[in-house]
Each structure stands twice: as structure tokens, then as C-alpha cells.
Amino acid sequence: MTDTYSTTLVRKLLLPLGGPLAALILVLLVWDVSVRIYHIPAYVLPSPEQTWDHILSDLPVLLQGFRITFVTFLMGFILGAGAGFIFAVLMDATPWVRSILYPILIASQAVPVIAIAAALTIWLGFGLAPKLVIVGLVVFFPVVVNVLDGLNSVDKDMLNLVKSMGGSRWSIFRYVKLPATYTPLFSALKLSATFSVTGAVIGEWTASTSGGLGAYLLQANSRLNTAGTFSAIAFLALLGVVSFLLVILMEYVMTPWRSSSKARRWSRRYWG
């Protein structure tokens, strides 16, 4: 059973990569041909080969920047998703809290994150804290809205049935409401996974003291190092893809019923 589970997991993750890989190869070919045909200078648009050479020559620095940005992204993503989930549950459980907070949340989305980045730096100082807040804000609102939709979509007859059978509020939440939030929650997380990378870069532009791909990108731009700029962009794209795949992996593990009619061994223990 373990071998079947591993095979299904690998197939779930790798098969969808065929189309994107083909699209990536096509983009690289068009990019390379365009540079050669139109004789575009390297300072305007480097060729894929020149970008690859720069990546190899500056690989340790790029990997260090990738690690720093990934840690910032991951911590902010977890904090934002966790806070969003908790807020959604509280607003569902207490309607008066929802009536107060929901309009404020909607209004807050009209303010671009980059507009408050400088203020966060003043309030929280330079370092990790403002970057985590910026990334968390990117994730927070989609999670709140989607989890609330999932909680509100629960069949009322199902709730009444569980109550009539003596189910406690905790049992109703665990066995009825919580599973209903998984699909909209992971939709929000997949949407936020790539946007959060942008939030991490904005945070590094405004409050970074430890480098990262955002700081590397600024430095390359200031030196008109276009190859360095494209190298940083390539690693940021890689970070977005990795984060998206991690969310898909977590969704596959947490929602076994979507990929198999038979519950896996760990899920039977969890739900039993």
C-alpha cells in the first residue's frame, strides 16, 4: 500500500509538469532566436546562454539569496495562512465579530501592500518582522474569504442532524465544518503561493538587512547588470514554482478523498 501511495504521489506531482516544461522550452527558444535575429545588446536583453553563464558564475550568492528569501516567504506564508484561518473560524462562530471585522478587511485590500511597506519599516524597524508582516498580509485576506465561504457552504441539514445526535460544537467543527474548508483553503493557498513571493521581494526592498533575492535584484538593477537581473528573476520564478508544488503536496496529503476512494492508513487513524 505504501508503494502504491508513493507512486500515486509522484504521478500527481510530476505529470502536470510536462506542459509547463514544454512551454518553458518554447519561451527559451523564442527568447534566444529573438536576441540573435535582432542583435539585441546584452545590456538590453541578455541571451539565455549569457543568463545561464551569469548564474553559474554567481551561483553561491544566488543560492544564499534564494535561501534567505525562501525562509522569509515560508515563515510569512505560514503566519498569514494560520492567522487567516483563525480569523475565519472566529468570524463564523461569532457573527458580531464578522460584522465588525469583515468590512475592515475588505477596505484594507484597497491599500497596496507596497504603500504600507515603508510605514511597517518605521513601526517594526529593519529586519525580519516587517518582511513577515508583508508576506502575511498577502496570504491573509484570500485565506479568510475562502475559509469563510467553506464554512458557510456546510449543509444546514447536516448540521441539524449532527446536533440531534448529540454532537458537541467541537465534533461539529471537526467532522463537518473543518473538512468543508479544505477545498477553498487550498485554492486560496495556491493563489497566494506565487503572490507571496512578490511580497517577500517587496519586504526585502524596503526592510532587508540580510540580503535575499530582492536585494540582489536591486543591486543588479543599480549596476545595469541585466544578466544579473534575469538571473534573480529566474530564481524567483523557481521559488514560486516550488512553493506552488509544496501547496499541492500538502493538499494531496490533507484531502485523500479527492484522489482515492479508499482512505489511506494515516487518514483512517486521523479521522477515526
Protein backbone atom coordinates (compact mmCIF):
# COMPACT_ATOMS: atom_id res chain seq x y z
CA MET A 1 0.00 0.00 0.00
CA THR A 2 2.92 2.33 0.75
CA ASP A 3 4.39 1.72 -2.73
CA THR A 4 1.03 2.50 -4.35
CA TYR A 5 0.72 5.67 -2.32
CA SER A 6 4.26 6.79 -3.29
CA THR A 7 3.67 6.04 -6.97
CA THR A 8 0.39 7.95 -6.97
CA LEU A 9 2.04 10.88 -5.21
CA VAL A 10 4.91 11.07 -7.71
CA ARG A 11 2.48 10.81 -10.60
CA LYS A 12 0.30 13.52 -9.07
CA LEU A 13 3.26 15.90 -8.82
CA LEU A 14 5.26 15.11 -11.96
CA LEU A 15 2.67 14.51 -14.67
CA PRO A 16 1.32 18.09 -14.63
CA LEU A 17 4.88 19.37 -15.18
CA GLY A 18 5.02 18.15 -18.81
CA GLY A 19 3.05 21.08 -20.24
CA PRO A 20 4.87 23.81 -18.26
CA LEU A 21 8.27 22.34 -19.18
CA ALA A 22 7.34 22.35 -22.86
CA ALA A 23 6.15 25.97 -22.53
CA LEU A 24 9.42 26.91 -20.79
CA ILE A 25 11.50 25.37 -23.57
CA LEU A 26 9.43 27.25 -26.16
CA VAL A 27 9.93 30.56 -24.34
CA LEU A 28 13.69 29.97 -24.14
CA LEU A 29 13.86 29.18 -27.86
CA VAL A 30 11.88 32.30 -28.83
CA TRP A 31 14.00 34.38 -26.47
CA ASP A 32 17.28 33.07 -27.89
CA VAL A 33 16.20 33.38 -31.53
CA SER A 34 14.93 36.93 -30.98
CA VAL A 35 18.22 38.04 -29.43
CA ARG A 36 20.19 36.55 -32.32
CA ILE A 37 17.97 37.78 -35.18
CA TYR A 38 17.53 41.35 -33.94
CA HIS A 39 21.07 41.62 -32.50
CA ILE A 40 19.78 42.88 -29.17
CA PRO A 41 22.61 44.17 -26.95
CA ALA A 42 23.29 42.22 -23.78
CA TYR A 43 22.65 45.26 -21.59
CA VAL A 44 19.10 45.44 -23.03
CA LEU A 45 18.25 41.75 -23.15
CA PRO A 46 20.85 39.05 -22.45
CA SER A 47 20.51 35.73 -24.20
CA PRO A 48 19.56 32.60 -22.26
CA GLU A 49 23.17 31.46 -22.59
CA GLN A 50 24.51 34.70 -21.09
CA THR A 51 22.00 34.50 -18.27
CA TRP A 52 22.98 30.89 -17.59
CA ASP A 53 26.68 31.84 -17.57
CA HIS A 54 25.96 34.56 -15.03
CA ILE A 55 24.02 32.11 -12.85
CA LEU A 56 26.96 29.71 -12.86
CA SER A 57 29.48 32.46 -12.11
CA ASP A 58 27.45 33.88 -9.22
CA LEU A 59 25.75 30.67 -8.07
CA PRO A 60 26.81 30.76 -4.37
CA VAL A 61 25.43 34.27 -3.93
CA LEU A 62 22.20 33.41 -5.76
CA LEU A 63 21.70 30.25 -3.69
CA GLN A 64 22.26 32.21 -0.49
CA GLY A 65 19.73 34.80 -1.63
CA PHE A 66 17.29 32.03 -2.55
CA ARG A 67 17.62 30.52 0.92
CA ILE A 68 17.05 33.86 2.67
CA THR A 69 14.02 34.74 0.54
CA PHE A 70 12.58 31.24 0.88
CA VAL A 71 12.81 31.36 4.68
CA THR A 72 11.13 34.78 4.73
CA PHE A 73 8.43 33.57 2.36
CA LEU A 74 7.80 30.33 4.25
CA MET A 75 7.54 31.94 7.69
CA GLY A 76 5.32 34.76 6.44
CA PHE A 77 3.16 32.34 4.46
CA ILE A 78 2.57 30.11 7.49
CA LEU A 79 1.82 33.07 9.77
CA GLY A 80 -0.56 34.67 7.26
CA ALA A 81 -2.38 31.42 6.49
CA GLY A 82 -2.67 30.49 10.17
CA ALA A 83 -3.95 33.93 11.17
CA GLY A 84 -6.40 33.97 8.26
CA PHE A 85 -7.79 30.55 9.19
CA ILE A 86 -8.21 31.51 12.85
CA PHE A 87 -9.92 34.79 11.95
CA ALA A 88 -12.30 32.99 9.58
CA VAL A 89 -13.27 30.45 12.27
CA LEU A 90 -13.83 33.23 14.83
CA MET A 91 -15.95 35.24 12.42
CA ASP A 92 -18.02 32.19 11.58
CA ALA A 93 -18.55 31.33 15.25
CA THR A 94 -19.41 34.90 16.33
CA PRO A 95 -21.47 36.85 13.78
CA TRP A 96 -20.98 40.17 15.59
CA VAL A 97 -17.20 39.83 15.19
CA ARG A 98 -17.71 39.16 11.50
CA SER A 99 -19.94 42.23 11.09
CA ILE A 100 -17.18 44.38 12.60
CA LEU A 101 -14.06 42.87 11.04
CA TYR A 102 -15.23 41.89 7.55
CA PRO A 103 -15.77 45.46 6.25
CA ILE A 104 -12.38 46.45 7.67
CA LEU A 105 -10.71 43.53 5.88
CA ILE A 106 -12.33 44.46 2.60
CA ALA A 107 -11.30 48.10 2.94
CA SER A 108 -7.74 47.09 3.78
CA GLN A 109 -7.38 45.35 0.42
CA ALA A 110 -7.81 48.68 -1.37
CA VAL A 111 -4.42 49.74 0.04
CA PRO A 112 -1.48 48.26 -1.93
CA VAL A 113 0.98 46.38 0.24
CA ILE A 114 3.87 48.39 -1.20
CA ALA A 115 2.17 51.57 0.04
CA ILE A 116 2.40 50.49 3.68
CA ALA A 117 5.79 48.80 3.41
CA ALA A 118 7.63 51.99 4.38
CA ALA A 119 5.30 52.52 7.35
CA LEU A 120 5.91 48.95 8.52
CA THR A 121 9.63 49.60 8.41
CA ILE A 122 9.17 52.68 10.62
CA TRP A 123 6.98 50.80 13.08
CA LEU A 124 8.85 47.48 13.18
CA GLY A 125 12.34 48.53 12.13
CA PHE A 126 14.63 46.86 9.64
CA GLY A 127 14.94 43.10 9.76
CA LEU A 128 12.68 40.09 9.61
CA ALA A 129 9.48 41.40 11.29
CA PRO A 130 8.24 43.83 8.57
CA LYS A 131 9.00 41.31 5.84
CA LEU A 132 6.95 38.65 7.60
CA VAL A 133 4.04 41.07 8.01
CA ILE A 134 4.13 42.00 4.31
CA VAL A 135 4.12 38.35 3.19
CA GLY A 136 1.47 37.51 5.78
CA LEU A 137 -0.81 40.29 4.54
CA VAL A 138 -0.64 38.90 1.02
CA VAL A 139 -1.85 35.50 2.25
CA PHE A 140 -4.23 36.63 4.97
CA PHE A 141 -7.19 38.03 3.02
CA PRO A 142 -7.61 35.20 0.44
CA VAL A 143 -7.49 32.62 3.23
CA VAL A 144 -10.09 34.45 5.34
CA VAL A 145 -12.52 34.86 2.44
CA ASN A 146 -12.18 31.31 1.12
CA VAL A 147 -12.36 29.61 4.52
CA LEU A 148 -15.44 31.66 5.40
CA ASP A 149 -17.06 30.54 2.15
CA GLY A 150 -16.24 26.94 3.02
CA LEU A 151 -17.73 27.25 6.50
CA ASN A 152 -20.87 28.91 5.15
CA SER A 153 -21.30 26.21 2.48
CA VAL A 154 -21.92 23.44 5.02
CA ASP A 155 -25.33 21.86 4.55
CA LYS A 156 -27.69 23.07 7.29
CA ASP A 157 -29.49 19.73 7.34
CA MET A 158 -26.17 18.02 8.07
CA LEU A 159 -25.54 20.38 10.97
CA ASN A 160 -29.02 19.77 12.38
CA LEU A 161 -28.55 16.02 12.04
CA VAL A 162 -25.27 16.04 13.96
CA LYS A 163 -26.79 18.26 16.65
CA SER A 164 -29.81 15.95 17.00
CA MET A 165 -27.42 13.04 17.51
CA GLY A 166 -25.80 14.81 20.44
CA GLY A 167 -22.76 16.17 18.65
CA SER A 168 -20.83 18.83 20.54
CA ARG A 169 -19.64 22.09 18.96
CA TRP A 170 -16.14 20.64 18.71
CA SER A 171 -17.40 17.46 16.99
CA ILE A 172 -19.45 19.51 14.55
CA PHE A 173 -16.42 21.65 13.72
CA ARG A 174 -14.01 18.73 13.41
CA TYR A 175 -16.12 16.30 11.40
CA VAL A 176 -18.46 18.57 9.45
CA LYS A 177 -17.19 22.12 9.14
CA LEU A 178 -13.42 21.60 9.02
CA PRO A 179 -13.43 19.21 6.01
CA ALA A 180 -15.65 21.71 4.15
CA THR A 181 -12.89 24.34 4.39
CA TYR A 182 -10.14 22.26 2.77
CA THR A 183 -11.01 22.81 -0.90
CA PRO A 184 -11.46 26.60 -0.68
CA LEU A 185 -8.49 26.86 1.70
CA PHE A 186 -6.09 25.17 -0.69
CA SER A 187 -7.45 27.22 -3.58
CA ALA A 188 -6.51 30.33 -1.60
CA LEU A 189 -3.11 28.92 -0.68
CA LYS A 190 -2.27 28.05 -4.29
CA LEU A 191 -3.27 31.53 -5.37
CA SER A 192 -1.25 33.12 -2.57
CA ALA A 193 1.83 30.94 -3.04
CA THR A 194 3.12 32.93 -6.02
CA PHE A 195 1.84 36.31 -4.80
CA SER A 196 3.68 35.80 -1.52
CA VAL A 197 6.98 35.64 -3.39
CA THR A 198 6.26 39.17 -4.63
CA GLY A 199 5.51 40.18 -1.04
CA ALA A 200 8.86 38.75 0.11
CA VAL A 201 10.69 40.74 -2.57
CA ILE A 202 8.86 43.96 -1.61
CA GLY A 203 9.82 43.35 2.00
CA GLU A 204 13.47 42.90 1.05
CA TRP A 205 13.39 46.09 -0.98
CA THR A 206 12.17 48.15 1.96
CA ALA A 207 13.40 46.46 5.14
CA SER A 208 16.14 43.97 4.32
CA THR A 209 19.35 43.85 6.30
CA SER A 210 20.36 40.31 5.37
CA GLY A 211 20.23 40.21 1.58
CA GLY A 212 17.94 37.93 -0.36
CA LEU A 213 16.89 37.79 -3.99
CA GLY A 214 15.08 41.12 -3.68
CA ALA A 215 18.27 42.85 -2.52
CA TYR A 216 20.24 41.04 -5.23
CA LEU A 217 17.74 42.30 -7.83
CA LEU A 218 18.06 45.89 -6.63
CA GLN A 219 21.84 45.68 -6.72
CA ALA A 220 21.85 44.25 -10.25
CA ASN A 221 19.46 46.97 -11.45
CA SER A 222 21.56 49.73 -9.94
CA ARG A 223 24.61 48.43 -11.84
CA LEU A 224 22.67 47.96 -15.10
CA ASN A 225 23.58 44.28 -14.83
CA THR A 226 20.76 42.89 -16.95
CA ALA A 227 22.10 39.34 -16.84
CA GLY A 228 22.13 39.52 -13.06
CA THR A 229 18.57 40.87 -13.08
CA PHE A 230 17.36 37.98 -15.23
CA SER A 231 19.24 35.51 -13.04
CA ALA A 232 17.43 36.80 -9.95
CA ILE A 233 14.12 36.67 -11.82
CA ALA A 234 14.82 33.04 -12.75
CA PHE A 235 15.41 32.10 -9.12
CA LEU A 236 12.27 33.99 -8.04
CA ALA A 237 10.29 32.05 -10.63
CA LEU A 238 11.81 28.84 -9.26
CA LEU A 239 10.75 29.87 -5.76
CA GLY A 240 7.19 30.45 -6.97
CA VAL A 241 7.05 27.04 -8.63
CA VAL A 242 8.49 25.28 -5.57
CA SER A 243 6.01 26.98 -3.24
CA PHE A 244 3.10 26.10 -5.53
CA LEU A 245 4.17 22.45 -5.64
CA LEU A 246 4.50 22.35 -1.85
CA VAL A 247 0.90 23.54 -1.52
CA ILE A 248 -0.23 20.86 -4.00
CA LEU A 249 1.65 18.24 -1.99
CA MET A 250 0.03 19.40 1.24
CA GLU A 251 -3.38 19.37 -0.43
CA TYR A 252 -2.83 15.80 -1.62
CA VAL A 253 -1.87 14.66 1.86
CA MET A 254 -4.67 16.51 3.67
CA THR A 255 -7.50 15.62 1.26
CA PRO A 256 -7.07 11.90 0.46
CA TRP A 257 -10.71 11.54 -0.63
CA ARG A 258 -10.10 13.74 -3.69
CA SER A 259 -7.61 11.31 -5.25
CA SER A 260 -8.73 7.92 -3.95
CA SER A 261 -11.96 6.29 -2.84
CA LYS A 262 -10.02 4.33 -0.21
CA ALA A 263 -8.80 6.14 2.87
CA ARG A 264 -5.07 5.89 3.45
CA ARG A 265 -3.80 4.29 6.61
CA TRP A 266 -2.76 7.56 8.29
CA SER A 267 -6.03 9.28 7.36
CA ARG A 268 -8.09 6.47 8.88
CA ARG A 269 -6.23 6.97 12.15
CA TYR A 270 -6.66 10.72 11.95
CA TRP A 271 -10.37 10.75 11.22
CA GLY A 272 -11.20 7.71 13.27
